Amino acid sequence: MRTLAVAIAGTLLLSGCGASVDLQSATADRLQAEVASIAESAAAGDPTNALMTAETLYTHVTAALEAGTMSPARADRIRAALDVVRADLTALLQATPEPEIQPEPEPEPVTTVDRPQDSPQQPSEPEKPKGPGPDSGGPKEKGPGQGPGKDKEKPGPGEKAPKGK
């Protein structure tokens, strides 16, 4: 690639991208910058950018000719050199295989084994509290506030007296 870059720069510079009577100085400076850009892109291994810059340079040479800032003879020499450079860059692009994009591997399928489910367990009965109390299984005793005691006529604390008595 470096050899191609040197050849590009040499070909275009020898073809007359320099200031003279048949090329105005400002036009020469701009064209020389584009020639350097083509050579740098080619040297960096970027023939696509080098080719695009060569196309731009070709357009600028034609514009300079039409504007009268370059002689027809000079424009012909530069365009002939650019045709060679563009052909070389195009051939290089066609010979360079594009990097293959490796597809991401498919995830392997997850195999599940159907297992017969064990019979659902019946919830066991809650354990009964131990000691005296309403659910202890022992004798039921009423404590204060648990309703009328022996005297059914007197209400216990928190109870209302029965009506009519």
N, C-alpha and C. Protein backbone atom coordinates (compact mmCIF):
# COMPACT_ATOMS: atom_id res chain seq x y z
N MET A 1 0.84 -1.18 0.00
CA MET A 1 0.00 0.00 0.00
C MET A 1 0.88 1.24 0.00
N ARG A 2 2.01 1.18 0.70
CA ARG A 2 2.91 2.34 0.75
C ARG A 2 3.47 2.62 -0.63
N THR A 3 3.77 1.59 -1.40
CA THR A 3 4.29 1.76 -2.76
C THR A 3 3.26 2.48 -3.62
N LEU A 4 2.01 2.10 -3.47
CA LEU A 4 0.95 2.75 -4.23
C LEU A 4 0.86 4.22 -3.86
N ALA A 5 0.99 4.54 -2.60
CA ALA A 5 0.90 5.93 -2.16
C ALA A 5 2.02 6.77 -2.77
N VAL A 6 3.22 6.22 -2.79
CA VAL A 6 4.35 6.93 -3.39
C VAL A 6 4.12 7.10 -4.89
N ALA A 7 3.60 6.06 -5.53
CA ALA A 7 3.33 6.14 -6.97
C ALA A 7 2.27 7.20 -7.27
N ILE A 8 1.26 7.27 -6.42
CA ILE A 8 0.20 8.26 -6.61
C ILE A 8 0.77 9.67 -6.52
N ALA A 9 1.49 9.90 -5.46
CA ALA A 9 2.05 11.24 -5.25
C ALA A 9 3.00 11.60 -6.39
N GLY A 10 3.86 10.67 -6.76
CA GLY A 10 4.82 10.94 -7.83
C GLY A 10 4.14 11.18 -9.17
N THR A 11 3.16 10.37 -9.49
CA THR A 11 2.46 10.50 -10.77
C THR A 11 1.78 11.86 -10.87
N LEU A 12 1.08 12.24 -9.82
CA LEU A 12 0.35 13.50 -9.88
C LEU A 12 1.29 14.70 -9.82
N LEU A 13 2.33 14.60 -9.03
CA LEU A 13 3.25 15.73 -8.96
C LEU A 13 4.02 15.89 -10.26
N LEU A 14 4.41 14.78 -10.88
CA LEU A 14 5.13 14.86 -12.14
C LEU A 14 4.23 15.34 -13.27
N SER A 15 2.92 15.14 -13.10
CA SER A 15 2.01 15.57 -14.15
C SER A 15 1.74 17.06 -14.08
N GLY A 16 2.29 17.70 -13.08
CA GLY A 16 2.23 19.15 -13.09
C GLY A 16 1.29 19.81 -12.12
N CYS A 17 1.11 19.28 -10.96
CA CYS A 17 0.30 19.96 -9.95
C CYS A 17 1.19 20.94 -9.20
N GLY A 18 1.87 21.77 -9.88
CA GLY A 18 2.72 22.78 -9.26
C GLY A 18 2.44 24.13 -9.92
N ALA A 19 2.86 25.18 -9.26
CA ALA A 19 2.59 26.51 -9.79
C ALA A 19 3.47 26.79 -11.01
N SER A 20 2.87 27.30 -12.04
CA SER A 20 3.60 27.74 -13.23
C SER A 20 2.69 28.71 -13.98
N VAL A 21 3.08 29.08 -15.17
CA VAL A 21 2.29 30.05 -15.92
C VAL A 21 0.95 29.48 -16.37
N ASP A 22 0.88 28.14 -16.51
CA ASP A 22 -0.39 27.57 -16.96
C ASP A 22 -1.25 27.07 -15.80
N LEU A 23 -0.89 27.44 -14.54
CA LEU A 23 -1.66 27.05 -13.35
C LEU A 23 -1.48 28.13 -12.30
N GLN A 24 -2.57 28.73 -11.86
CA GLN A 24 -2.47 29.77 -10.84
C GLN A 24 -2.05 29.18 -9.50
N SER A 25 -1.37 29.98 -8.71
CA SER A 25 -0.78 29.54 -7.46
C SER A 25 -1.83 29.00 -6.46
N ALA A 26 -2.94 29.71 -6.29
CA ALA A 26 -3.96 29.27 -5.32
C ALA A 26 -4.55 27.93 -5.75
N THR A 27 -4.77 27.76 -7.05
CA THR A 27 -5.30 26.49 -7.57
C THR A 27 -4.29 25.38 -7.34
N ALA A 28 -3.02 25.65 -7.58
CA ALA A 28 -1.96 24.65 -7.39
C ALA A 28 -1.89 24.21 -5.94
N ASP A 29 -1.98 25.15 -5.01
CA ASP A 29 -1.91 24.80 -3.58
C ASP A 29 -3.05 23.87 -3.19
N ARG A 30 -4.26 24.20 -3.65
CA ARG A 30 -5.43 23.38 -3.31
C ARG A 30 -5.29 21.98 -3.90
N LEU A 31 -4.86 21.88 -5.14
CA LEU A 31 -4.72 20.58 -5.80
C LEU A 31 -3.61 19.75 -5.15
N GLN A 32 -2.51 20.41 -4.75
CA GLN A 32 -1.42 19.68 -4.08
C GLN A 32 -1.89 19.12 -2.74
N ALA A 33 -2.73 19.84 -2.02
CA ALA A 33 -3.26 19.34 -0.74
C ALA A 33 -4.11 18.08 -0.99
N GLU A 34 -4.88 18.09 -2.07
CA GLU A 34 -5.71 16.91 -2.38
C GLU A 34 -4.84 15.72 -2.80
N VAL A 35 -3.76 15.98 -3.54
CA VAL A 35 -2.84 14.90 -3.93
C VAL A 35 -2.22 14.29 -2.67
N ALA A 36 -1.82 15.14 -1.71
CA ALA A 36 -1.25 14.65 -0.46
C ALA A 36 -2.26 13.81 0.31
N SER A 37 -3.52 14.23 0.29
CA SER A 37 -4.57 13.48 1.00
C SER A 37 -4.78 12.11 0.36
N ILE A 38 -4.72 12.05 -0.96
CA ILE A 38 -4.86 10.75 -1.65
C ILE A 38 -3.71 9.83 -1.23
N ALA A 39 -2.50 10.35 -1.24
CA ALA A 39 -1.32 9.55 -0.88
C ALA A 39 -1.39 9.09 0.57
N GLU A 40 -1.83 9.97 1.47
CA GLU A 40 -1.93 9.60 2.89
C GLU A 40 -2.97 8.52 3.11
N SER A 41 -4.12 8.65 2.44
CA SER A 41 -5.17 7.63 2.61
C SER A 41 -4.70 6.28 2.07
N ALA A 42 -4.03 6.29 0.94
CA ALA A 42 -3.54 5.04 0.38
C ALA A 42 -2.48 4.41 1.29
N ALA A 43 -1.59 5.26 1.84
CA ALA A 43 -0.54 4.75 2.73
C ALA A 43 -1.14 4.20 4.02
N ALA A 44 -2.26 4.76 4.46
CA ALA A 44 -2.90 4.30 5.69
C ALA A 44 -3.77 3.07 5.46
N GLY A 45 -3.79 2.58 4.22
CA GLY A 45 -4.59 1.38 3.94
C GLY A 45 -6.06 1.68 3.75
N ASP A 46 -6.38 2.90 3.32
CA ASP A 46 -7.77 3.29 3.13
C ASP A 46 -8.00 3.66 1.65
N PRO A 47 -8.03 2.66 0.77
CA PRO A 47 -8.19 2.97 -0.65
C PRO A 47 -9.55 3.58 -0.98
N THR A 48 -10.56 3.31 -0.16
CA THR A 48 -11.88 3.89 -0.41
C THR A 48 -11.81 5.41 -0.29
N ASN A 49 -11.22 5.90 0.78
CA ASN A 49 -11.09 7.35 0.96
C ASN A 49 -10.16 7.94 -0.10
N ALA A 50 -9.10 7.24 -0.43
CA ALA A 50 -8.18 7.72 -1.47
C ALA A 50 -8.92 7.88 -2.80
N LEU A 51 -9.76 6.92 -3.14
CA LEU A 51 -10.51 6.98 -4.39
C LEU A 51 -11.52 8.13 -4.37
N MET A 52 -12.19 8.33 -3.25
CA MET A 52 -13.14 9.44 -3.16
C MET A 52 -12.42 10.78 -3.31
N THR A 53 -11.25 10.91 -2.70
CA THR A 53 -10.48 12.15 -2.82
C THR A 53 -9.98 12.34 -4.26
N ALA A 54 -9.61 11.26 -4.93
CA ALA A 54 -9.19 11.35 -6.33
C ALA A 54 -10.35 11.83 -7.22
N GLU A 55 -11.56 11.36 -6.91
CA GLU A 55 -12.74 11.82 -7.66
C GLU A 55 -12.96 13.32 -7.44
N THR A 56 -12.78 13.76 -6.19
CA THR A 56 -12.93 15.18 -5.88
C THR A 56 -11.86 15.99 -6.61
N LEU A 57 -10.64 15.50 -6.63
CA LEU A 57 -9.55 16.19 -7.32
C LEU A 57 -9.86 16.31 -8.81
N TYR A 58 -10.38 15.25 -9.39
CA TYR A 58 -10.73 15.27 -10.81
C TYR A 58 -11.76 16.38 -11.08
N THR A 59 -12.75 16.48 -10.21
CA THR A 59 -13.79 17.52 -10.34
C THR A 59 -13.17 18.91 -10.20
N HIS A 60 -12.25 19.07 -9.27
CA HIS A 60 -11.61 20.38 -9.06
C HIS A 60 -10.72 20.76 -10.25
N VAL A 61 -10.08 19.80 -10.86
CA VAL A 61 -9.27 20.08 -12.06
C VAL A 61 -10.18 20.58 -13.18
N THR A 62 -11.29 19.92 -13.37
CA THR A 62 -12.24 20.34 -14.41
C THR A 62 -12.76 21.74 -14.10
N ALA A 63 -13.07 22.03 -12.84
CA ALA A 63 -13.57 23.35 -12.44
C ALA A 63 -12.49 24.42 -12.67
N ALA A 64 -11.23 24.09 -12.36
CA ALA A 64 -10.13 25.05 -12.57
C ALA A 64 -9.96 25.34 -14.06
N LEU A 65 -10.10 24.33 -14.88
CA LEU A 65 -10.00 24.51 -16.33
C LEU A 65 -11.11 25.45 -16.82
N GLU A 66 -12.33 25.19 -16.35
CA GLU A 66 -13.47 26.00 -16.76
C GLU A 66 -13.37 27.44 -16.23
N ALA A 67 -12.74 27.61 -15.06
CA ALA A 67 -12.59 28.94 -14.48
C ALA A 67 -11.41 29.70 -15.10
N GLY A 68 -10.60 29.03 -15.87
CA GLY A 68 -9.47 29.68 -16.51
C GLY A 68 -8.24 29.78 -15.61
N THR A 69 -8.23 29.04 -14.50
CA THR A 69 -7.07 29.07 -13.60
C THR A 69 -6.07 27.95 -13.90
N MET A 70 -6.34 27.20 -14.98
CA MET A 70 -5.45 26.11 -15.39
C MET A 70 -5.55 26.00 -16.92
N SER A 71 -4.41 25.73 -17.52
CA SER A 71 -4.41 25.59 -18.98
C SER A 71 -4.99 24.23 -19.37
N PRO A 72 -5.54 24.12 -20.59
CA PRO A 72 -6.07 22.83 -21.04
C PRO A 72 -5.01 21.74 -21.07
N ALA A 73 -3.78 22.07 -21.43
CA ALA A 73 -2.72 21.05 -21.49
C ALA A 73 -2.43 20.51 -20.08
N ARG A 74 -2.36 21.42 -19.12
CA ARG A 74 -2.09 20.99 -17.74
C ARG A 74 -3.25 20.14 -17.22
N ALA A 75 -4.48 20.53 -17.47
CA ALA A 75 -5.66 19.78 -17.02
C ALA A 75 -5.66 18.38 -17.63
N ASP A 76 -5.28 18.28 -18.91
CA ASP A 76 -5.24 16.97 -19.57
C ASP A 76 -4.21 16.05 -18.92
N ARG A 77 -3.02 16.59 -18.61
CA ARG A 77 -1.97 15.77 -17.98
C ARG A 77 -2.41 15.28 -16.58
N ILE A 78 -3.00 16.18 -15.81
CA ILE A 78 -3.42 15.80 -14.45
C ILE A 78 -4.55 14.78 -14.52
N ARG A 79 -5.51 15.01 -15.41
CA ARG A 79 -6.63 14.06 -15.51
C ARG A 79 -6.16 12.69 -16.01
N ALA A 80 -5.19 12.66 -16.91
CA ALA A 80 -4.66 11.38 -17.39
C ALA A 80 -3.99 10.62 -16.23
N ALA A 81 -3.23 11.36 -15.42
CA ALA A 81 -2.57 10.72 -14.26
C ALA A 81 -3.64 10.25 -13.25
N LEU A 82 -4.67 11.06 -13.07
CA LEU A 82 -5.74 10.66 -12.15
C LEU A 82 -6.48 9.42 -12.64
N ASP A 83 -6.64 9.27 -13.95
CA ASP A 83 -7.29 8.08 -14.49
C ASP A 83 -6.51 6.83 -14.11
N VAL A 84 -5.19 6.91 -14.17
CA VAL A 84 -4.34 5.77 -13.81
C VAL A 84 -4.47 5.48 -12.31
N VAL A 85 -4.42 6.53 -11.50
CA VAL A 85 -4.52 6.37 -10.05
C VAL A 85 -5.89 5.79 -9.67
N ARG A 86 -6.95 6.31 -10.28
CA ARG A 86 -8.29 5.78 -9.97
C ARG A 86 -8.42 4.32 -10.39
N ALA A 87 -7.85 3.95 -11.51
CA ALA A 87 -7.90 2.55 -11.95
C ALA A 87 -7.15 1.66 -10.96
N ASP A 88 -5.98 2.13 -10.50
CA ASP A 88 -5.21 1.34 -9.53
C ASP A 88 -5.97 1.18 -8.20
N LEU A 89 -6.58 2.27 -7.75
CA LEU A 89 -7.32 2.21 -6.48
C LEU A 89 -8.56 1.31 -6.63
N THR A 90 -9.23 1.39 -7.76
CA THR A 90 -10.41 0.55 -7.99
C THR A 90 -10.01 -0.92 -8.01
N ALA A 91 -8.90 -1.22 -8.70
CA ALA A 91 -8.41 -2.61 -8.74
C ALA A 91 -8.04 -3.09 -7.34
N LEU A 92 -7.44 -2.21 -6.57
CA LEU A 92 -7.06 -2.57 -5.20
C LEU A 92 -8.30 -2.87 -4.36
N LEU A 93 -9.33 -2.05 -4.51
CA LEU A 93 -10.57 -2.28 -3.76
C LEU A 93 -11.23 -3.59 -4.16
N GLN A 94 -11.18 -3.92 -5.43
CA GLN A 94 -11.81 -5.16 -5.88
C GLN A 94 -11.01 -6.38 -5.45
N ALA A 95 -9.70 -6.22 -5.30
CA ALA A 95 -8.85 -7.35 -4.90
C ALA A 95 -8.84 -7.55 -3.40
N THR A 96 -9.18 -6.52 -2.66
CA THR A 96 -9.18 -6.61 -1.20
C THR A 96 -10.51 -7.16 -0.74
N PRO A 97 -10.50 -8.36 -0.17
CA PRO A 97 -11.78 -8.89 0.32
C PRO A 97 -12.25 -8.07 1.52
N GLU A 98 -13.53 -7.83 1.54
CA GLU A 98 -14.09 -7.13 2.69
C GLU A 98 -14.08 -8.08 3.87
N PRO A 99 -13.83 -7.55 5.04
CA PRO A 99 -13.83 -8.44 6.21
C PRO A 99 -15.20 -9.07 6.38
N GLU A 100 -15.14 -10.37 6.62
CA GLU A 100 -16.39 -11.09 6.82
C GLU A 100 -16.94 -10.79 8.20
N ILE A 101 -18.20 -10.54 8.24
CA ILE A 101 -18.84 -10.33 9.52
C ILE A 101 -19.35 -11.69 9.97
N GLN A 102 -18.80 -12.13 11.07
CA GLN A 102 -19.18 -13.43 11.59
C GLN A 102 -20.52 -13.30 12.29
N PRO A 103 -21.49 -14.11 11.87
CA PRO A 103 -22.77 -14.05 12.57
C PRO A 103 -22.61 -14.56 13.99
N GLU A 104 -23.40 -14.01 14.86
CA GLU A 104 -23.35 -14.47 16.24
C GLU A 104 -23.90 -15.88 16.31
N PRO A 105 -23.25 -16.74 17.05
CA PRO A 105 -23.75 -18.12 17.13
C PRO A 105 -25.13 -18.16 17.76
N GLU A 106 -25.93 -19.06 17.24
CA GLU A 106 -27.28 -19.26 17.77
C GLU A 106 -27.15 -19.83 19.18
N PRO A 107 -27.92 -19.35 20.11
CA PRO A 107 -27.87 -19.96 21.44
C PRO A 107 -28.41 -21.38 21.37
N GLU A 108 -27.76 -22.24 22.11
CA GLU A 108 -28.20 -23.63 22.09
C GLU A 108 -29.52 -23.75 22.83
N PRO A 109 -30.42 -24.56 22.27
CA PRO A 109 -31.72 -24.68 22.93
C PRO A 109 -31.58 -25.37 24.29
N VAL A 110 -32.38 -24.94 25.21
CA VAL A 110 -32.38 -25.51 26.55
C VAL A 110 -33.42 -26.62 26.57
N THR A 111 -32.98 -27.81 26.91
CA THR A 111 -33.89 -28.94 26.96
C THR A 111 -34.35 -29.12 28.40
N THR A 112 -35.65 -29.19 28.56
CA THR A 112 -36.18 -29.43 29.89
C THR A 112 -36.79 -30.83 29.92
N VAL A 113 -36.64 -31.48 31.03
CA VAL A 113 -37.18 -32.82 31.19
C VAL A 113 -38.45 -32.69 32.00
N ASP A 114 -39.53 -33.19 31.43
CA ASP A 114 -40.79 -33.18 32.17
C ASP A 114 -40.74 -34.29 33.21
N ARG A 115 -40.87 -33.91 34.44
CA ARG A 115 -40.89 -34.88 35.52
C ARG A 115 -42.29 -34.89 36.11
N PRO A 116 -42.78 -36.07 36.44
CA PRO A 116 -44.10 -36.08 37.07
C PRO A 116 -43.99 -35.36 38.41
N GLN A 117 -44.93 -34.51 38.64
CA GLN A 117 -44.91 -33.77 39.90
C GLN A 117 -45.37 -34.68 41.02
N ASP A 118 -44.70 -34.53 42.14
CA ASP A 118 -45.13 -35.29 43.31
C ASP A 118 -46.53 -34.79 43.66
N SER A 119 -47.30 -35.69 44.29
CA SER A 119 -48.65 -35.28 44.66
C SER A 119 -48.52 -34.11 45.63
N PRO A 120 -49.36 -33.13 45.44
CA PRO A 120 -49.24 -31.96 46.31
C PRO A 120 -49.47 -32.36 47.76
N GLN A 121 -48.64 -31.82 48.60
CA GLN A 121 -48.76 -32.15 50.03
C GLN A 121 -49.92 -31.38 50.62
N GLN A 122 -50.66 -32.08 51.41
CA GLN A 122 -51.76 -31.44 52.12
C GLN A 122 -51.15 -30.67 53.28
N PRO A 123 -51.61 -29.46 53.44
CA PRO A 123 -51.05 -28.72 54.58
C PRO A 123 -51.43 -29.41 55.88
N SER A 124 -50.47 -29.54 56.72
CA SER A 124 -50.76 -30.18 58.01
C SER A 124 -51.56 -29.22 58.87
N GLU A 125 -52.30 -29.79 59.81
CA GLU A 125 -53.12 -28.96 60.67
C GLU A 125 -52.22 -28.16 61.58
N PRO A 126 -52.61 -26.92 61.84
CA PRO A 126 -51.75 -26.11 62.71
C PRO A 126 -51.69 -26.71 64.09
N GLU A 127 -50.55 -26.53 64.68
CA GLU A 127 -50.35 -27.07 66.03
C GLU A 127 -51.19 -26.27 67.01
N LYS A 128 -51.86 -26.97 67.91
CA LYS A 128 -52.71 -26.31 68.89
C LYS A 128 -51.85 -25.78 70.02
N PRO A 129 -52.20 -24.58 70.48
CA PRO A 129 -51.41 -24.04 71.60
C PRO A 129 -51.61 -24.88 72.85
N LYS A 130 -50.58 -24.96 73.64
CA LYS A 130 -50.65 -25.74 74.88
C LYS A 130 -50.95 -24.81 76.04
N GLY A 131 -51.55 -25.36 77.05
CA GLY A 131 -51.85 -24.57 78.24
C GLY A 131 -53.32 -24.22 78.27
N PRO A 132 -53.80 -23.57 79.36
CA PRO A 132 -55.22 -23.24 79.48
C PRO A 132 -55.60 -22.19 78.45
N GLY A 133 -56.78 -22.23 78.03
CA GLY A 133 -57.29 -21.28 77.06
C GLY A 133 -58.42 -21.90 76.29
N PRO A 134 -59.10 -21.14 75.49
CA PRO A 134 -60.27 -21.65 74.80
C PRO A 134 -59.94 -22.78 73.84
N ASP A 135 -58.72 -22.81 73.27
CA ASP A 135 -58.40 -23.86 72.30
C ASP A 135 -57.45 -24.90 72.86
N SER A 136 -57.26 -24.92 74.16
CA SER A 136 -56.28 -25.84 74.73
C SER A 136 -56.84 -27.24 74.91
N GLY A 137 -58.10 -27.40 74.71
CA GLY A 137 -58.70 -28.71 74.88
C GLY A 137 -59.09 -28.98 76.32
N GLY A 138 -58.74 -28.12 77.26
CA GLY A 138 -59.08 -28.30 78.66
C GLY A 138 -60.45 -27.69 78.94
N PRO A 139 -60.83 -27.64 80.23
CA PRO A 139 -62.13 -27.07 80.58
C PRO A 139 -62.18 -25.61 80.21
N LYS A 140 -63.33 -25.19 79.79
CA LYS A 140 -63.52 -23.82 79.36
C LYS A 140 -63.81 -22.99 80.59
N GLU A 141 -62.98 -22.06 80.89
CA GLU A 141 -63.21 -21.18 82.02
C GLU A 141 -63.42 -19.79 81.48
N LYS A 142 -64.32 -19.11 82.10
CA LYS A 142 -64.57 -17.75 81.67
C LYS A 142 -63.83 -16.84 82.63
N GLY A 143 -63.10 -15.94 82.08
CA GLY A 143 -62.42 -14.97 82.91
C GLY A 143 -63.18 -13.67 82.88
N PRO A 144 -62.66 -12.65 83.51
CA PRO A 144 -63.34 -11.36 83.52
C PRO A 144 -63.55 -10.88 82.10
N GLY A 145 -64.73 -10.33 81.86
CA GLY A 145 -65.06 -9.81 80.56
C GLY A 145 -65.42 -10.88 79.56
N GLN A 146 -65.59 -12.11 79.97
CA GLN A 146 -65.91 -13.20 79.07
C GLN A 146 -67.39 -13.52 79.05
N GLY A 147 -68.21 -12.67 79.52
CA GLY A 147 -69.64 -12.93 79.53
C GLY A 147 -70.14 -13.08 80.95
N PRO A 148 -71.46 -13.28 81.10
CA PRO A 148 -72.00 -13.38 82.46
C PRO A 148 -71.51 -14.64 83.12
N GLY A 149 -71.18 -14.52 84.37
CA GLY A 149 -70.73 -15.66 85.16
C GLY A 149 -71.92 -16.38 85.77
N LYS A 150 -71.78 -16.70 87.07
CA LYS A 150 -72.84 -17.43 87.76
C LYS A 150 -74.10 -16.57 87.85
N ASP A 151 -73.91 -15.29 88.04
CA ASP A 151 -75.07 -14.41 88.15
C ASP A 151 -75.40 -13.90 86.77
N LYS A 152 -76.38 -14.50 86.17
CA LYS A 152 -76.71 -14.16 84.80
C LYS A 152 -77.43 -12.84 84.72
N GLU A 153 -77.84 -12.27 85.83
CA GLU A 153 -78.58 -11.02 85.81
C GLU A 153 -77.63 -9.84 85.77
N LYS A 154 -76.44 -10.01 86.26
CA LYS A 154 -75.48 -8.91 86.29
C LYS A 154 -74.59 -9.01 85.06
N PRO A 155 -74.51 -7.91 84.36
CA PRO A 155 -73.59 -7.96 83.20
C PRO A 155 -72.15 -7.88 83.66
N GLY A 156 -71.29 -8.51 82.94
CA GLY A 156 -69.87 -8.45 83.23
C GLY A 156 -69.28 -7.15 82.70
N PRO A 157 -68.04 -6.89 83.02
CA PRO A 157 -67.43 -5.65 82.54
C PRO A 157 -67.47 -5.62 81.01
N GLY A 158 -67.87 -4.48 80.44
CA GLY A 158 -67.90 -4.32 79.00
C GLY A 158 -69.15 -4.86 78.38
N GLU A 159 -70.13 -5.44 79.20
CA GLU A 159 -71.37 -5.96 78.64
C GLU A 159 -72.53 -5.04 78.99
N LYS A 160 -73.53 -5.07 78.16
CA LYS A 160 -74.72 -4.27 78.42
C LYS A 160 -75.72 -5.16 79.13
N ALA A 161 -76.50 -4.52 79.96
CA ALA A 161 -77.54 -5.27 80.68
C ALA A 161 -78.64 -5.64 79.71
N PRO A 162 -79.19 -6.85 79.85
CA PRO A 162 -80.27 -7.24 78.95
C PRO A 162 -81.47 -6.35 79.17
N LYS A 163 -82.14 -6.03 78.08
CA LYS A 163 -83.29 -5.15 78.16
C LYS A 163 -84.46 -5.90 78.74
N GLY A 164 -85.24 -5.19 79.42
CA GLY A 164 -86.46 -5.74 79.97
C GLY A 164 -86.27 -6.43 81.29
N LYS A 165 -85.20 -6.43 81.89
CA LYS A 165 -85.05 -7.09 83.19
C LYS A 165 -84.67 -6.12 84.19
